[in-house]
Amino acid sequence: MKKCKPLAFLLCEKASRASDGKVTLHGLFDRMIIPRKAATPKMFFIYYKVVVQEPCTVSLKAVDPAGREIPLPWRDSLSEIGPVQGIWALTTTLFPQPGNYALGLMQLNEGSEPVSLASTIMIVDQEVD
């Protein structure tokens, strides 16, 4: 059973949260270009907004182009009923090979399988010489 309703699940280059709780997003994207040569990893952000109907925990799931799940530590416990938004900072090193990565916003449930709330595909291409 879904305990929250997804309103947004986005990838962006920069994100910040103001003291009043508002989140500002810059550079929405669904495609990332990785350099051929070693470079400094770049940060990017995942933004989500949900309407919490019952307290729950949401997490980020990522699956690489070969279908293997990438272990990720991002999860938030949501106890406030109503609209809630959050941002998670990630690094490009988590996505080292070209291809399509499946990203999902999941609701974790004790004793049962996680429930998918939202998903998107992030395309990773390699820089052309």
N, C-alpha and C. Protein backbone atom coordinates (compact mmCIF):
# COMPACT_ATOMS: atom_id res chain seq x y z
N MET A 1 0.84 -1.18 0.00
CA MET A 1 0.00 0.00 0.00
C MET A 1 0.88 1.25 0.00
N LYS A 2 0.59 2.18 -0.88
CA LYS A 2 1.36 3.41 -0.93
C LYS A 2 0.93 4.33 0.21
N LYS A 3 1.95 4.80 0.94
CA LYS A 3 1.70 5.71 2.05
C LYS A 3 1.97 7.15 1.66
N CYS A 4 2.51 7.34 0.46
CA CYS A 4 2.71 8.70 -0.04
C CYS A 4 2.51 8.72 -1.55
N LYS A 5 2.11 9.87 -2.04
CA LYS A 5 1.83 10.05 -3.46
C LYS A 5 2.94 10.90 -4.08
N PRO A 6 3.61 10.39 -5.12
CA PRO A 6 4.69 11.17 -5.73
C PRO A 6 4.15 12.33 -6.56
N LEU A 7 4.83 13.47 -6.46
CA LEU A 7 4.49 14.65 -7.26
C LEU A 7 5.62 15.00 -8.22
N ALA A 8 6.89 14.70 -7.83
CA ALA A 8 8.04 15.01 -8.69
C ALA A 8 9.20 14.10 -8.34
N PHE A 9 9.99 13.77 -9.37
CA PHE A 9 11.22 12.97 -9.21
C PHE A 9 12.14 13.40 -10.34
N LEU A 10 13.12 14.27 -10.04
CA LEU A 10 13.90 14.94 -11.08
C LEU A 10 15.40 14.87 -10.81
N LEU A 11 16.20 14.95 -11.88
CA LEU A 11 17.65 15.03 -11.80
C LEU A 11 18.05 16.47 -12.13
N CYS A 12 19.00 17.02 -11.39
CA CYS A 12 19.44 18.38 -11.69
C CYS A 12 20.91 18.56 -11.33
N GLU A 13 21.53 19.55 -11.97
CA GLU A 13 22.95 19.83 -11.75
C GLU A 13 23.22 20.47 -10.40
N LYS A 14 22.32 21.32 -9.95
CA LYS A 14 22.49 22.00 -8.66
C LYS A 14 21.14 22.07 -7.96
N ALA A 15 21.18 22.00 -6.63
CA ALA A 15 19.97 22.15 -5.83
C ALA A 15 20.35 22.76 -4.50
N SER A 16 19.46 23.56 -3.95
CA SER A 16 19.70 24.17 -2.64
C SER A 16 18.38 24.31 -1.92
N ARG A 17 18.48 24.33 -0.59
CA ARG A 17 17.29 24.48 0.25
C ARG A 17 17.44 25.76 1.05
N ALA A 18 16.47 26.64 0.95
CA ALA A 18 16.46 27.90 1.69
C ALA A 18 16.01 27.65 3.13
N SER A 19 16.22 28.64 3.98
CA SER A 19 15.84 28.50 5.39
C SER A 19 14.34 28.31 5.58
N ASP A 20 13.54 28.77 4.59
CA ASP A 20 12.09 28.58 4.69
C ASP A 20 11.63 27.23 4.14
N GLY A 21 12.60 26.36 3.75
CA GLY A 21 12.27 25.02 3.27
C GLY A 21 12.09 24.91 1.77
N LYS A 22 12.06 26.03 1.06
CA LYS A 22 11.89 25.98 -0.39
C LYS A 22 13.16 25.44 -1.04
N VAL A 23 12.96 24.63 -2.06
CA VAL A 23 14.09 24.04 -2.79
C VAL A 23 14.19 24.72 -4.16
N THR A 24 15.41 25.09 -4.53
CA THR A 24 15.67 25.68 -5.84
C THR A 24 16.49 24.68 -6.65
N LEU A 25 16.04 24.41 -7.89
CA LEU A 25 16.72 23.47 -8.78
C LEU A 25 17.27 24.22 -9.98
N HIS A 26 18.45 23.80 -10.44
CA HIS A 26 19.07 24.38 -11.62
C HIS A 26 19.56 23.25 -12.51
N GLY A 27 19.37 23.39 -13.81
CA GLY A 27 19.94 22.45 -14.78
C GLY A 27 19.30 21.07 -14.76
N LEU A 28 17.99 21.00 -14.96
CA LEU A 28 17.33 19.69 -15.04
C LEU A 28 17.89 18.91 -16.22
N PHE A 29 18.07 17.60 -16.06
CA PHE A 29 18.61 16.80 -17.15
C PHE A 29 18.13 15.36 -17.06
N ASP A 30 18.35 14.60 -18.14
CA ASP A 30 18.13 13.15 -18.13
C ASP A 30 19.27 12.43 -18.84
N ARG A 31 20.29 13.21 -19.28
CA ARG A 31 21.45 12.64 -19.97
C ARG A 31 22.72 13.25 -19.38
N MET A 32 23.70 12.38 -19.11
CA MET A 32 24.97 12.81 -18.54
C MET A 32 26.10 12.38 -19.46
N ILE A 33 27.09 13.25 -19.66
CA ILE A 33 28.25 12.92 -20.48
C ILE A 33 29.44 12.73 -19.54
N ILE A 34 30.07 11.53 -19.58
CA ILE A 34 31.23 11.28 -18.74
C ILE A 34 32.50 11.39 -19.60
N PRO A 35 33.57 11.99 -19.04
CA PRO A 35 34.81 12.14 -19.82
C PRO A 35 35.52 10.80 -19.99
N ARG A 36 36.24 10.65 -21.10
CA ARG A 36 37.03 9.44 -21.36
C ARG A 36 38.21 9.33 -20.39
N LYS A 37 38.84 10.45 -20.10
CA LYS A 37 40.00 10.48 -19.21
C LYS A 37 39.53 10.77 -17.79
N ALA A 38 40.34 10.31 -16.84
CA ALA A 38 40.01 10.54 -15.43
C ALA A 38 39.82 12.04 -15.19
N ALA A 39 38.77 12.36 -14.54
CA ALA A 39 38.47 13.76 -14.22
C ALA A 39 37.90 13.81 -12.81
N THR A 40 37.80 15.00 -12.30
CA THR A 40 37.20 15.18 -10.99
C THR A 40 35.73 14.80 -11.05
N PRO A 41 35.27 13.94 -10.15
CA PRO A 41 33.85 13.58 -10.16
C PRO A 41 32.98 14.81 -9.96
N LYS A 42 31.84 14.81 -10.62
CA LYS A 42 30.90 15.92 -10.49
C LYS A 42 29.75 15.50 -9.58
N MET A 43 29.24 16.48 -8.85
CA MET A 43 28.06 16.25 -8.03
C MET A 43 26.83 16.58 -8.85
N PHE A 44 25.76 15.86 -8.59
CA PHE A 44 24.45 16.23 -9.12
C PHE A 44 23.42 15.82 -8.08
N PHE A 45 22.18 16.17 -8.31
CA PHE A 45 21.16 15.99 -7.28
C PHE A 45 19.92 15.29 -7.82
N ILE A 46 19.29 14.57 -6.93
CA ILE A 46 17.97 14.01 -7.21
C ILE A 46 17.00 14.71 -6.27
N TYR A 47 15.93 15.22 -6.86
CA TYR A 47 14.90 15.94 -6.11
C TYR A 47 13.63 15.11 -6.14
N TYR A 48 12.96 15.02 -5.00
CA TYR A 48 11.64 14.38 -4.99
C TYR A 48 10.67 15.23 -4.18
N LYS A 49 9.42 15.12 -4.55
CA LYS A 49 8.34 15.75 -3.79
C LYS A 49 7.21 14.74 -3.71
N VAL A 50 6.72 14.51 -2.50
CA VAL A 50 5.63 13.56 -2.28
C VAL A 50 4.62 14.18 -1.33
N VAL A 51 3.41 13.64 -1.37
CA VAL A 51 2.40 13.97 -0.36
C VAL A 51 2.32 12.76 0.56
N VAL A 52 2.73 12.95 1.81
CA VAL A 52 2.74 11.87 2.79
C VAL A 52 1.34 11.72 3.37
N GLN A 53 0.80 10.50 3.24
CA GLN A 53 -0.52 10.21 3.79
C GLN A 53 -0.41 9.47 5.13
N GLU A 54 0.67 8.70 5.27
CA GLU A 54 1.02 8.01 6.52
C GLU A 54 2.53 8.06 6.65
N PRO A 55 3.08 8.12 7.85
CA PRO A 55 4.53 8.11 7.99
C PRO A 55 5.14 6.92 7.25
N CYS A 56 6.28 7.17 6.58
CA CYS A 56 6.92 6.13 5.79
C CYS A 56 8.38 6.50 5.55
N THR A 57 9.10 5.59 4.93
CA THR A 57 10.49 5.82 4.55
C THR A 57 10.59 5.68 3.04
N VAL A 58 11.25 6.65 2.41
CA VAL A 58 11.49 6.58 0.97
C VAL A 58 13.00 6.42 0.75
N SER A 59 13.35 5.77 -0.36
CA SER A 59 14.75 5.54 -0.67
C SER A 59 14.97 5.66 -2.17
N LEU A 60 16.24 5.72 -2.53
CA LEU A 60 16.63 5.79 -3.93
C LEU A 60 17.14 4.43 -4.37
N LYS A 61 16.67 3.97 -5.52
CA LYS A 61 17.13 2.72 -6.11
C LYS A 61 17.74 3.04 -7.46
N ALA A 62 18.88 2.40 -7.78
CA ALA A 62 19.52 2.58 -9.08
C ALA A 62 19.92 1.23 -9.62
N VAL A 63 19.66 1.03 -10.92
CA VAL A 63 20.01 -0.22 -11.60
C VAL A 63 20.87 0.15 -12.80
N ASP A 64 22.05 -0.52 -12.92
CA ASP A 64 22.98 -0.19 -14.00
C ASP A 64 22.52 -0.79 -15.33
N PRO A 65 23.21 -0.46 -16.43
CA PRO A 65 22.78 -0.95 -17.75
C PRO A 65 22.75 -2.47 -17.88
N ALA A 66 23.51 -3.18 -17.03
CA ALA A 66 23.53 -4.65 -17.08
C ALA A 66 22.43 -5.27 -16.20
N GLY A 67 21.64 -4.42 -15.54
CA GLY A 67 20.54 -4.92 -14.72
C GLY A 67 20.91 -5.19 -13.27
N ARG A 68 22.12 -4.77 -12.85
CA ARG A 68 22.55 -4.97 -11.46
C ARG A 68 22.18 -3.75 -10.62
N GLU A 69 21.66 -4.00 -9.43
CA GLU A 69 21.32 -2.89 -8.53
C GLU A 69 22.60 -2.30 -7.94
N ILE A 70 22.66 -0.98 -7.91
CA ILE A 70 23.80 -0.25 -7.33
C ILE A 70 23.43 0.04 -5.88
N PRO A 71 24.23 -0.44 -4.92
CA PRO A 71 23.89 -0.16 -3.51
C PRO A 71 24.01 1.33 -3.20
N LEU A 72 22.94 1.89 -2.70
CA LEU A 72 22.89 3.33 -2.39
C LEU A 72 22.37 3.52 -0.97
N PRO A 73 22.94 4.48 -0.24
CA PRO A 73 22.50 4.70 1.14
C PRO A 73 21.40 5.74 1.32
N TRP A 74 20.90 6.33 0.24
CA TRP A 74 19.98 7.45 0.40
C TRP A 74 18.58 6.98 0.77
N ARG A 75 18.11 7.46 1.93
CA ARG A 75 16.74 7.19 2.39
C ARG A 75 16.34 8.27 3.38
N ASP A 76 15.07 8.57 3.39
CA ASP A 76 14.53 9.58 4.31
C ASP A 76 13.30 9.01 5.00
N SER A 77 13.24 9.19 6.32
CA SER A 77 12.05 8.84 7.08
C SER A 77 11.14 10.07 7.10
N LEU A 78 9.93 9.89 6.63
CA LEU A 78 8.97 10.99 6.51
C LEU A 78 7.85 10.80 7.52
N SER A 79 7.76 11.70 8.48
CA SER A 79 6.73 11.58 9.51
C SER A 79 5.69 12.69 9.43
N GLU A 80 6.02 13.77 8.71
CA GLU A 80 5.11 14.91 8.58
C GLU A 80 4.07 14.60 7.50
N ILE A 81 2.80 14.67 7.85
CA ILE A 81 1.72 14.42 6.89
C ILE A 81 1.56 15.65 5.99
N GLY A 82 1.39 15.40 4.70
CA GLY A 82 1.26 16.49 3.74
C GLY A 82 2.42 16.51 2.77
N PRO A 83 2.57 17.61 2.01
CA PRO A 83 3.64 17.69 1.02
C PRO A 83 5.02 17.77 1.68
N VAL A 84 5.95 16.97 1.16
CA VAL A 84 7.33 16.95 1.64
C VAL A 84 8.23 16.88 0.42
N GLN A 85 9.33 17.64 0.47
CA GLN A 85 10.30 17.57 -0.62
C GLN A 85 11.68 17.31 -0.05
N GLY A 86 12.51 16.65 -0.86
CA GLY A 86 13.85 16.34 -0.41
C GLY A 86 14.82 16.33 -1.58
N ILE A 87 16.10 16.45 -1.25
CA ILE A 87 17.15 16.37 -2.27
C ILE A 87 18.23 15.43 -1.76
N TRP A 88 18.81 14.66 -2.67
CA TRP A 88 19.93 13.79 -2.38
C TRP A 88 21.08 14.15 -3.31
N ALA A 89 22.28 14.33 -2.76
CA ALA A 89 23.46 14.63 -3.56
C ALA A 89 24.14 13.32 -3.96
N LEU A 90 24.45 13.19 -5.24
CA LEU A 90 25.14 12.01 -5.76
C LEU A 90 26.39 12.46 -6.51
N THR A 91 27.24 11.51 -6.84
CA THR A 91 28.43 11.81 -7.61
C THR A 91 28.44 10.96 -8.88
N THR A 92 29.08 11.48 -9.91
CA THR A 92 29.13 10.76 -11.19
C THR A 92 29.89 9.45 -11.10
N THR A 93 30.71 9.25 -10.07
CA THR A 93 31.46 7.99 -9.95
C THR A 93 30.54 6.78 -9.74
N LEU A 94 29.32 7.01 -9.33
CA LEU A 94 28.37 5.90 -9.16
C LEU A 94 27.89 5.34 -10.51
N PHE A 95 28.13 6.07 -11.59
CA PHE A 95 27.62 5.71 -12.91
C PHE A 95 28.78 5.70 -13.91
N PRO A 96 29.71 4.74 -13.79
CA PRO A 96 30.96 4.78 -14.54
C PRO A 96 30.90 4.34 -16.00
N GLN A 97 29.89 3.59 -16.37
CA GLN A 97 29.86 3.09 -17.75
C GLN A 97 28.69 3.69 -18.52
N PRO A 98 28.86 3.83 -19.82
CA PRO A 98 27.77 4.34 -20.65
C PRO A 98 26.57 3.38 -20.64
N GLY A 99 25.40 3.95 -20.85
CA GLY A 99 24.18 3.14 -20.94
C GLY A 99 23.03 3.79 -20.21
N ASN A 100 21.94 3.07 -20.12
CA ASN A 100 20.73 3.56 -19.46
C ASN A 100 20.66 3.03 -18.03
N TYR A 101 20.58 3.95 -17.10
CA TYR A 101 20.44 3.61 -15.68
C TYR A 101 19.00 3.86 -15.27
N ALA A 102 18.39 2.89 -14.62
CA ALA A 102 17.04 3.05 -14.10
C ALA A 102 17.12 3.57 -12.67
N LEU A 103 16.48 4.69 -12.41
CA LEU A 103 16.44 5.28 -11.08
C LEU A 103 15.02 5.25 -10.57
N GLY A 104 14.87 4.92 -9.30
CA GLY A 104 13.53 4.82 -8.75
C GLY A 104 13.42 5.41 -7.35
N LEU A 105 12.30 6.04 -7.09
CA LEU A 105 11.95 6.49 -5.75
C LEU A 105 11.08 5.40 -5.16
N MET A 106 11.55 4.81 -4.08
CA MET A 106 10.89 3.65 -3.49
C MET A 106 10.35 3.96 -2.10
N GLN A 107 9.23 3.33 -1.76
CA GLN A 107 8.72 3.37 -0.39
C GLN A 107 9.11 2.06 0.26
N LEU A 108 9.84 2.12 1.36
CA LEU A 108 10.26 0.91 2.06
C LEU A 108 9.17 0.47 3.02
N ASN A 109 8.93 -0.83 3.07
CA ASN A 109 7.89 -1.38 3.93
C ASN A 109 8.48 -2.50 4.78
N GLU A 110 8.25 -2.45 6.08
CA GLU A 110 8.73 -3.51 6.95
C GLU A 110 8.03 -4.82 6.60
N GLY A 111 8.83 -5.85 6.40
CA GLY A 111 8.27 -7.17 6.17
C GLY A 111 7.73 -7.44 4.78
N SER A 112 7.83 -6.49 3.87
CA SER A 112 7.37 -6.74 2.51
C SER A 112 8.26 -6.00 1.51
N GLU A 113 8.03 -6.25 0.27
CA GLU A 113 8.83 -5.66 -0.80
C GLU A 113 8.62 -4.14 -0.87
N PRO A 114 9.67 -3.41 -1.29
CA PRO A 114 9.50 -1.97 -1.49
C PRO A 114 8.47 -1.68 -2.59
N VAL A 115 7.84 -0.53 -2.51
CA VAL A 115 6.84 -0.11 -3.49
C VAL A 115 7.45 1.02 -4.32
N SER A 116 7.36 0.90 -5.64
CA SER A 116 7.86 1.94 -6.52
C SER A 116 6.89 3.12 -6.54
N LEU A 117 7.40 4.30 -6.27
CA LEU A 117 6.58 5.52 -6.29
C LEU A 117 6.77 6.29 -7.59
N ALA A 118 8.01 6.33 -8.09
CA ALA A 118 8.32 7.07 -9.32
C ALA A 118 9.61 6.50 -9.90
N SER A 119 9.79 6.65 -11.20
CA SER A 119 11.02 6.18 -11.83
C SER A 119 11.37 7.05 -13.03
N THR A 120 12.64 6.97 -13.40
CA THR A 120 13.13 7.68 -14.58
C THR A 120 14.35 6.94 -15.10
N ILE A 121 14.69 7.21 -16.33
CA ILE A 121 15.91 6.66 -16.94
C ILE A 121 16.91 7.80 -17.07
N MET A 122 18.14 7.54 -16.62
CA MET A 122 19.24 8.49 -16.82
C MET A 122 20.19 7.87 -17.85
N ILE A 123 20.39 8.56 -18.95
CA ILE A 123 21.26 8.10 -20.02
C ILE A 123 22.67 8.62 -19.75
N VAL A 124 23.64 7.72 -19.73
CA VAL A 124 25.04 8.10 -19.53
C VAL A 124 25.77 7.80 -20.83
N ASP A 125 26.34 8.85 -21.42
CA ASP A 125 27.14 8.74 -22.65
C ASP A 125 28.59 9.05 -22.33
N GLN A 126 29.49 8.51 -23.16
CA GLN A 126 30.89 8.83 -22.99
C GLN A 126 31.27 9.95 -23.92
N GLU A 127 32.12 10.85 -23.43
CA GLU A 127 32.59 11.98 -24.22
C GLU A 127 33.28 11.51 -25.48
N VAL A 128 33.01 12.18 -26.59
CA VAL A 128 33.62 11.86 -27.87
C VAL A 128 34.92 12.64 -27.99
N ASP A 129 35.98 11.98 -28.47
CA ASP A 129 37.28 12.67 -28.65
C ASP A 129 37.21 13.70 -29.73
